Amino acid sequence: MTKQEFLATMVRSKWKRDRQGQYRLKRDNLTFRLRIQPASLHYEILQPDGSWYKKTSDYFTNLRIVDGRLLIHDYSIPFME
């Protein structure tokens, strides 16, 4: 997958773009973020102190979307509605 393909797919996702251009999702009183870098994607969770904890990251070329879920390493992230 390329970065452009990923961004095109985000239009159909349940993730919302924030003012910094990153994508966020609130679920079960937690806030998750997909932080877009030039060649990679970071999957992060908001900590109680307001900082972001990076759970995992990978290059766009290694990302896959299967059955409406984004696969990054061992994480299967709900992606589509």
PDB file of N, CA and C in Angstrom:
ATOM      1  N   MET A   1       0.846  -1.169   0.000  1.00  0.00           N
ATOM      2  CA  MET A   1       0.000   0.000   0.000  1.00  0.00           C
ATOM      3  C   MET A   1       0.896   1.239   0.000  1.00  0.00           C
ATOM      4  N   THR A   2       0.504   2.235  -0.755  1.00  0.00           N
ATOM      5  CA  THR A   2       1.237   3.498  -0.755  1.00  0.00           C
ATOM      6  C   THR A   2       0.554   4.476   0.191  1.00  0.00           C
ATOM      7  N   LYS A   3       1.224   5.557   0.478  1.00  0.00           N
ATOM      8  CA  LYS A   3       0.639   6.582   1.340  1.00  0.00           C
ATOM      9  C   LYS A   3      -0.621   7.158   0.699  1.00  0.00           C
ATOM     10  N   GLN A   4      -0.608   7.370  -0.600  1.00  0.00           N
ATOM     11  CA  GLN A   4      -1.769   7.915  -1.301  1.00  0.00           C
ATOM     12  C   GLN A   4      -2.946   6.947  -1.247  1.00  0.00           C
ATOM     13  N   GLU A   5      -2.688   5.653  -1.389  1.00  0.00           N
ATOM     14  CA  GLU A   5      -3.744   4.654  -1.277  1.00  0.00           C
ATOM     15  C   GLU A   5      -4.328   4.641   0.137  1.00  0.00           C
ATOM     16  N   PHE A   6      -3.452   4.748   1.123  1.00  0.00           N
ATOM     17  CA  PHE A   6      -3.913   4.785   2.512  1.00  0.00           C
ATOM     18  C   PHE A   6      -4.809   5.995   2.749  1.00  0.00           C
ATOM     19  N   LEU A   7      -4.378   7.171   2.322  1.00  0.00           N
ATOM     20  CA  LEU A   7      -5.168   8.387   2.525  1.00  0.00           C
ATOM     21  C   LEU A   7      -6.505   8.312   1.793  1.00  0.00           C
ATOM     22  N   ALA A   8      -6.527   7.707   0.613  1.00  0.00           N
ATOM     23  CA  ALA A   8      -7.783   7.550  -0.115  1.00  0.00           C
ATOM     24  C   ALA A   8      -8.733   6.616   0.640  1.00  0.00           C
ATOM     25  N   THR A   9      -8.198   5.601   1.272  1.00  0.00           N
ATOM     26  CA  THR A   9      -9.004   4.667   2.048  1.00  0.00           C
ATOM     27  C   THR A   9      -9.557   5.328   3.306  1.00  0.00           C
ATOM     28  N   MET A  10      -8.817   6.269   3.864  1.00  0.00           N
ATOM     29  CA  MET A  10      -9.260   6.942   5.094  1.00  0.00           C
ATOM     30  C   MET A  10     -10.570   7.692   4.893  1.00  0.00           C
ATOM     31  N   VAL A  11     -10.886   8.085   3.672  1.00  0.00           N
ATOM     32  CA  VAL A  11     -12.135   8.795   3.396  1.00  0.00           C
ATOM     33  C   VAL A  11     -13.334   7.928   3.769  1.00  0.00           C
ATOM     34  N   ARG A  12     -13.219   6.612   3.584  1.00  0.00           N
ATOM     35  CA  ARG A  12     -14.307   5.688   3.877  1.00  0.00           C
ATOM     36  C   ARG A  12     -14.259   5.132   5.295  1.00  0.00           C
ATOM     37  N   SER A  13     -13.265   5.507   6.082  1.00  0.00           N
ATOM     38  CA  SER A  13     -13.101   4.933   7.417  1.00  0.00           C
ATOM     39  C   SER A  13     -13.929   5.690   8.447  1.00  0.00           C
ATOM     40  N   LYS A  14     -13.994   5.137   9.656  1.00  0.00           N
ATOM     41  CA  LYS A  14     -14.696   5.805  10.748  1.00  0.00           C
ATOM     42  C   LYS A  14     -13.773   6.728  11.544  1.00  0.00           C
ATOM     43  N   TRP A  15     -12.527   6.828  11.160  1.00  0.00           N
ATOM     44  CA  TRP A  15     -11.569   7.724  11.803  1.00  0.00           C
ATOM     45  C   TRP A  15     -11.797   9.139  11.294  1.00  0.00           C
ATOM     46  N   LYS A  16     -11.664  10.126  12.185  1.00  0.00           N
ATOM     47  CA  LYS A  16     -11.873  11.532  11.821  1.00  0.00           C
ATOM     48  C   LYS A  16     -10.540  12.271  11.805  1.00  0.00           C
ATOM     49  N   ARG A  17     -10.365  13.117  10.805  1.00  0.00           N
ATOM     50  CA  ARG A  17      -9.128  13.897  10.673  1.00  0.00           C
ATOM     51  C   ARG A  17      -9.170  15.082  11.630  1.00  0.00           C
ATOM     52  N   ASP A  18      -8.072  15.311  12.361  1.00  0.00           N
ATOM     53  CA  ASP A  18      -8.008  16.450  13.281  1.00  0.00           C
ATOM     54  C   ASP A  18      -7.331  17.639  12.595  1.00  0.00           C
ATOM     55  N   ARG A  19      -7.195  18.728  13.310  1.00  0.00           N
ATOM     56  CA  ARG A  19      -6.659  19.952  12.695  1.00  0.00           C
ATOM     57  C   ARG A  19      -5.184  19.838  12.319  1.00  0.00           C
ATOM     58  N   GLN A  20      -4.459  18.876  12.889  1.00  0.00           N
ATOM     59  CA  GLN A  20      -3.055  18.669  12.524  1.00  0.00           C
ATOM     60  C   GLN A  20      -2.905  17.708  11.344  1.00  0.00           C
ATOM     61  N   GLY A  21      -4.030  17.177  10.850  1.00  0.00           N
ATOM     62  CA  GLY A  21      -3.978  16.266   9.716  1.00  0.00           C
ATOM     63  C   GLY A  21      -3.815  14.810  10.096  1.00  0.00           C
ATOM     64  N   GLN A  22      -3.863  14.512  11.398  1.00  0.00           N
ATOM     65  CA  GLN A  22      -3.784  13.130  11.860  1.00  0.00           C
ATOM     66  C   GLN A  22      -5.208  12.595  12.000  1.00  0.00           C
ATOM     67  N   TYR A  23      -5.344  11.298  12.169  1.00  0.00           N
ATOM     68  CA  TYR A  23      -6.667  10.682  12.293  1.00  0.00           C
ATOM     69  C   TYR A  23      -6.875  10.162  13.705  1.00  0.00           C
ATOM     70  N   ARG A  24      -8.079  10.432  14.261  1.00  0.00           N
ATOM     71  CA  ARG A  24      -8.396  10.028  15.631  1.00  0.00           C
ATOM     72  C   ARG A  24      -9.693   9.254  15.677  1.00  0.00           C
ATOM     73  N   LEU A  25      -9.779   8.406  16.715  1.00  0.00           N
ATOM     74  CA  LEU A  25     -10.986   7.634  16.965  1.00  0.00           C
ATOM     75  C   LEU A  25     -11.163   7.509  18.469  1.00  0.00           C
ATOM     76  N   LYS A  26     -12.354   7.846  18.958  1.00  0.00           N
ATOM     77  CA  LYS A  26     -12.671   7.675  20.383  1.00  0.00           C
ATOM     78  C   LYS A  26     -13.526   6.435  20.515  1.00  0.00           C
ATOM     79  N   ARG A  27     -13.112   5.556  21.446  1.00  0.00           N
ATOM     80  CA  ARG A  27     -13.834   4.310  21.666  1.00  0.00           C
ATOM     81  C   ARG A  27     -13.587   3.817  23.082  1.00  0.00           C
ATOM     82  N   ASP A  28     -14.652   3.471  23.793  1.00  0.00           N
ATOM     83  CA  ASP A  28     -14.552   2.944  25.162  1.00  0.00           C
ATOM     84  C   ASP A  28     -13.743   3.869  26.069  1.00  0.00           C
ATOM     85  N   ASN A  29     -14.016   5.165  26.022  1.00  0.00           N
ATOM     86  CA  ASN A  29     -13.327   6.178  26.830  1.00  0.00           C
ATOM     87  C   ASN A  29     -11.836   6.278  26.547  1.00  0.00           C
ATOM     88  N   LEU A  30     -11.402   5.787  25.412  1.00  0.00           N
ATOM     89  CA  LEU A  30     -10.006   5.900  24.989  1.00  0.00           C
ATOM     90  C   LEU A  30      -9.956   6.649  23.668  1.00  0.00           C
ATOM     91  N   THR A  31      -8.840   7.355  23.446  1.00  0.00           N
ATOM     92  CA  THR A  31      -8.629   8.051  22.179  1.00  0.00           C
ATOM     93  C   THR A  31      -7.411   7.458  21.493  1.00  0.00           C
ATOM     94  N   PHE A  32      -7.604   7.042  20.254  1.00  0.00           N
ATOM     95  CA  PHE A  32      -6.535   6.467  19.448  1.00  0.00           C
ATOM     96  C   PHE A  32      -6.193   7.434  18.325  1.00  0.00           C
ATOM     97  N   ARG A  33      -4.952   7.370  17.873  1.00  0.00           N
ATOM     98  CA  ARG A  33      -4.519   8.252  16.791  1.00  0.00           C
ATOM     99  C   ARG A  33      -3.671   7.470  15.800  1.00  0.00           C
ATOM    100  N   LEU A  34      -3.892   7.752  14.521  1.00  0.00           N
ATOM    101  CA  LEU A  34      -3.026   7.272  13.452  1.00  0.00           C
ATOM    102  C   LEU A  34      -2.235   8.487  12.994  1.00  0.00           C
ATOM    103  N   ARG A  35      -0.967   8.518  13.348  1.00  0.00           N
ATOM    104  CA  ARG A  35      -0.115   9.666  13.014  1.00  0.00           C
ATOM    105  C   ARG A  35       0.640   9.358  11.733  1.00  0.00           C
ATOM    106  N   ILE A  36       0.410  10.199  10.755  1.00  0.00           N
ATOM    107  CA  ILE A  36       0.977   9.993   9.422  1.00  0.00           C
ATOM    108  C   ILE A  36       2.321  10.691   9.307  1.00  0.00           C
ATOM    109  N   GLN A  37       3.313   9.931   8.901  1.00  0.00           N
ATOM    110  CA  GLN A  37       4.656  10.437   8.641  1.00  0.00           C
ATOM    111  C   GLN A  37       4.905  10.335   7.131  1.00  0.00           C
ATOM    112  N   PRO A  38       5.993  10.889   6.626  1.00  0.00           N
ATOM    113  CA  PRO A  38       6.239  10.817   5.180  1.00  0.00           C
ATOM    114  C   PRO A  38       6.245   9.391   4.613  1.00  0.00           C
ATOM    115  N   ALA A  39       6.820   8.439   5.327  1.00  0.00           N
ATOM    116  CA  ALA A  39       6.910   7.074   4.797  1.00  0.00           C
ATOM    117  C   ALA A  39       6.289   6.024   5.710  1.00  0.00           C
ATOM    118  N   SER A  40       5.760   6.447   6.874  1.00  0.00           N
ATOM    119  CA  SER A  40       5.265   5.461   7.832  1.00  0.00           C
ATOM    120  C   SER A  40       4.009   5.952   8.541  1.00  0.00           C
ATOM    121  N   LEU A  41       3.420   5.023   9.291  1.00  0.00           N
ATOM    122  CA  LEU A  41       2.217   5.302  10.067  1.00  0.00           C
ATOM    123  C   LEU A  41       2.460   4.851  11.498  1.00  0.00           C
ATOM    124  N   HIS A  42       2.089   5.692  12.464  1.00  0.00           N
ATOM    125  CA  HIS A  42       2.213   5.369  13.884  1.00  0.00           C
ATOM    126  C   HIS A  42       0.822   5.179  14.461  1.00  0.00           C
ATOM    127  N   TYR A  43       0.622   4.119  15.237  1.00  0.00           N
ATOM    128  CA  TYR A  43      -0.630   3.850  15.931  1.00  0.00           C
ATOM    129  C   TYR A  43      -0.400   4.194  17.398  1.00  0.00           C
ATOM    130  N   GLU A  44      -1.135   5.186  17.913  1.00  0.00           N
ATOM    131  CA  GLU A  44      -0.878   5.718  19.249  1.00  0.00           C
ATOM    132  C   GLU A  44      -2.163   5.771  20.070  1.00  0.00           C
ATOM    133  N   ILE A  45      -1.996   5.798  21.398  1.00  0.00           N
ATOM    134  CA  ILE A  45      -3.119   5.920  22.324  1.00  0.00           C
ATOM    135  C   ILE A  45      -2.840   7.086  23.274  1.00  0.00           C
ATOM    136  N   LEU A  46      -3.877   7.854  23.572  1.00  0.00           N
ATOM    137  CA  LEU A  46      -3.737   9.015  24.454  1.00  0.00           C
ATOM    138  C   LEU A  46      -3.666   8.559  25.901  1.00  0.00           C
ATOM    139  N   GLN A  47      -2.643   9.004  26.614  1.00  0.00           N
ATOM    140  CA  GLN A  47      -2.429   8.661  28.011  1.00  0.00           C
ATOM    141  C   GLN A  47      -3.173   9.647  28.917  1.00  0.00           C
ATOM    142  N   PRO A  48      -3.452   9.279  30.173  1.00  0.00           N
ATOM    143  CA  PRO A  48      -4.151  10.189  31.088  1.00  0.00           C
ATOM    144  C   PRO A  48      -3.442  11.525  31.297  1.00  0.00           C
ATOM    145  N   ASP A  49      -2.118  11.549  31.150  1.00  0.00           N
ATOM    146  CA  ASP A  49      -1.374  12.803  31.350  1.00  0.00           C
ATOM    147  C   ASP A  49      -1.376  13.688  30.097  1.00  0.00           C
ATOM    148  N   GLY A  50      -2.057  13.250  29.032  1.00  0.00           N
ATOM    149  CA  GLY A  50      -2.147  14.041  27.804  1.00  0.00           C
ATOM    150  C   GLY A  50      -1.087  13.722  26.765  1.00  0.00           C
ATOM    151  N   SER A  51      -0.161  12.837  27.080  1.00  0.00           N
ATOM    152  CA  SER A  51       0.876  12.458  26.119  1.00  0.00           C
ATOM    153  C   SER A  51       0.371  11.282  25.274  1.00  0.00           C
ATOM    154  N   TRP A  52       1.037  11.060  24.145  1.00  0.00           N
ATOM    155  CA  TRP A  52       0.681   9.965  23.250  1.00  0.00           C
ATOM    156  C   TRP A  52       1.685   8.840  23.410  1.00  0.00           C
ATOM    157  N   TYR A  53       1.189   7.609  23.530  1.00  0.00           N
ATOM    158  CA  TYR A  53       2.027   6.422  23.620  1.00  0.00           C
ATOM    159  C   TYR A  53       1.953   5.676  22.283  1.00  0.00           C
ATOM    160  N   LYS A  54       3.105   5.481  21.663  1.00  0.00           N
ATOM    161  CA  LYS A  54       3.151   4.780  20.377  1.00  0.00           C
ATOM    162  C   LYS A  54       3.086   3.276  20.626  1.00  0.00           C
ATOM    163  N   LYS A  55       1.981   2.658  20.184  1.00  0.00           N
ATOM    164  CA  LYS A  55       1.824   1.217  20.345  1.00  0.00           C
ATOM    165  C   LYS A  55       2.624   0.457  19.293  1.00  0.00           C
ATOM    166  N   THR A  56       2.604   0.962  18.065  1.00  0.00           N
ATOM    167  CA  THR A  56       3.360   0.332  16.984  1.00  0.00           C
ATOM    168  C   THR A  56       3.449   1.294  15.813  1.00  0.00           C
ATOM    169  N   SER A  57       4.295   0.982  14.877  1.00  0.00           N
ATOM    170  CA  SER A  57       4.395   1.762  13.646  1.00  0.00           C
ATOM    171  C   SER A  57       4.993   0.864  12.567  1.00  0.00           C
ATOM    172  N   ASP A  58       4.761   1.274  11.327  1.00  0.00           N
ATOM    173  CA  ASP A  58       5.329   0.526  10.210  1.00  0.00           C
ATOM    174  C   ASP A  58       5.282   1.392   8.960  1.00  0.00           C
ATOM    175  N   TYR A  59       6.024   0.972   7.951  1.00  0.00           N
ATOM    176  CA  TYR A  59       6.022   1.665   6.668  1.00  0.00           C
ATOM    177  C   TYR A  59       4.704   1.409   5.940  1.00  0.00           C
ATOM    178  N   PHE A  60       4.266   2.366   5.139  1.00  0.00           N
ATOM    179  CA  PHE A  60       3.036   2.201   4.380  1.00  0.00           C
ATOM    180  C   PHE A  60       3.070   0.951   3.512  1.00  0.00           C
ATOM    181  N   THR A  61       4.221   0.616   2.964  1.00  0.00           N
ATOM    182  CA  THR A  61       4.327  -0.549   2.079  1.00  0.00           C
ATOM    183  C   THR A  61       4.012  -1.855   2.807  1.00  0.00           C
ATOM    184  N   ASN A  62       4.101  -1.878   4.144  1.00  0.00           N
ATOM    185  CA  ASN A  62       3.836  -3.092   4.917  1.00  0.00           C
ATOM    186  C   ASN A  62       2.413  -3.153   5.470  1.00  0.00           C
ATOM    187  N   LEU A  63       1.621  -2.105   5.310  1.00  0.00           N
ATOM    188  CA  LEU A  63       0.262  -2.070   5.848  1.00  0.00           C
ATOM    189  C   LEU A  63      -0.682  -2.861   4.955  1.00  0.00           C
ATOM    190  N   ARG A  64      -1.695  -3.462   5.598  1.00  0.00           N
ATOM    191  CA  ARG A  64      -2.729  -4.187   4.853  1.00  0.00           C
ATOM    192  C   ARG A  64      -4.082  -3.904   5.490  1.00  0.00           C
ATOM    193  N   ILE A  65      -5.105  -3.906   4.673  1.00  0.00           N
ATOM    194  CA  ILE A  65      -6.470  -3.806   5.171  1.00  0.00           C
ATOM    195  C   ILE A  65      -7.176  -5.092   4.776  1.00  0.00           C
ATOM    196  N   VAL A  66      -7.641  -5.838   5.784  1.00  0.00           N
ATOM    197  CA  VAL A  66      -8.296  -7.122   5.571  1.00  0.00           C
ATOM    198  C   VAL A  66      -9.589  -7.141   6.374  1.00  0.00           C
ATOM    199  N   ASP A  67     -10.696  -7.423   5.711  1.00  0.00           N
ATOM    200  CA  ASP A  67     -12.008  -7.507   6.367  1.00  0.00           C
ATOM    201  C   ASP A  67     -12.323  -6.268   7.187  1.00  0.00           C
ATOM    202  N   GLY A  68     -11.997  -5.095   6.647  1.00  0.00           N
ATOM    203  CA  GLY A  68     -12.306  -3.840   7.329  1.00  0.00           C
ATOM    204  C   GLY A  68     -11.419  -3.511   8.506  1.00  0.00           C
ATOM    205  N   ARG A  69     -10.293  -4.197   8.626  1.00  0.00           N
ATOM    206  CA  ARG A  69      -9.353  -3.955   9.730  1.00  0.00           C
ATOM    207  C   ARG A  69      -7.980  -3.629   9.165  1.00  0.00           C
ATOM    208  N   LEU A  70      -7.325  -2.657   9.786  1.00  0.00           N
ATOM    209  CA  LEU A  70      -5.979  -2.264   9.404  1.00  0.00           C
ATOM    210  C   LEU A  70      -4.992  -3.144  10.157  1.00  0.00           C
ATOM    211  N   LEU A  71      -4.122  -3.814   9.440  1.00  0.00           N
ATOM    212  CA  LEU A  71      -3.136  -4.703  10.060  1.00  0.00           C
ATOM    213  C   LEU A  71      -1.776  -4.022  10.088  1.00  0.00           C
ATOM    214  N   ILE A  72      -1.282  -3.807  11.316  1.00  0.00           N
ATOM    215  CA  ILE A  72       0.058  -3.254  11.542  1.00  0.00           C
ATOM    216  C   ILE A  72       0.755  -4.196  12.517  1.00  0.00           C
ATOM    217  N   HIS A  73       1.738  -4.901  12.057  1.00  0.00           N
ATOM    218  CA  HIS A  73       2.433  -5.909  12.866  1.00  0.00           C
ATOM    219  C   HIS A  73       1.403  -6.854  13.482  1.00  0.00           C
ATOM    220  N   ASP A  74       1.367  -6.961  14.813  1.00  0.00           N
ATOM    221  CA  ASP A  74       0.444  -7.868  15.491  1.00  0.00           C
ATOM    222  C   ASP A  74      -0.880  -7.204  15.858  1.00  0.00           C
ATOM    223  N   TYR A  75      -1.074  -5.963  15.460  1.00  0.00           N
ATOM    224  CA  TYR A  75      -2.296  -5.242  15.797  1.00  0.00           C
ATOM    225  C   TYR A  75      -3.286  -5.301  14.643  1.00  0.00           C
ATOM    226  N   SER A  76      -4.545  -5.558  15.003  1.00  0.00           N
ATOM    227  CA  SER A  76      -5.644  -5.551  14.054  1.00  0.00           C
ATOM    228  C   SER A  76      -6.590  -4.437  14.503  1.00  0.00           C
ATOM    229  N   ILE A  77      -6.567  -3.320  13.796  1.00  0.00           N
ATOM    230  CA  ILE A  77      -7.247  -2.099  14.222  1.00  0.00           C
ATOM    231  C   ILE A  77      -8.559  -1.944  13.463  1.00  0.00           C
ATOM    232  N   PRO A  78      -9.695  -1.790  14.188  1.00  0.00           N
ATOM    233  CA  PRO A  78     -10.963  -1.543  13.493  1.00  0.00           C
ATOM    234  C   PRO A  78     -10.823  -0.299  12.633  1.00  0.00           C
ATOM    235  N   PHE A  79     -11.208  -0.422  11.374  1.00  0.00           N
ATOM    236  CA  PHE A  79     -10.920   0.632  10.437  1.00  0.00           C
ATOM    237  C   PHE A  79     -12.162   1.127   9.710  1.00  0.00           C
ATOM    238  N   MET A  80     -12.957   0.204   9.208  1.00  0.00           N
ATOM    239  CA  MET A  80     -14.135   0.566   8.429  1.00  0.00           C
ATOM    240  C   MET A  80     -15.389   0.461   9.296  1.00  0.00           C
ATOM    241  N   GLU A  81     -16.423   1.189   8.869  1.00  0.00           N
ATOM    242  CA  GLU A  81     -17.690   1.121   9.598  1.00  0.00           C
ATOM    243  C   GLU A  81     -18.473  -0.090   9.159  1.00  0.00           C
TER     244      GLU A  81
END
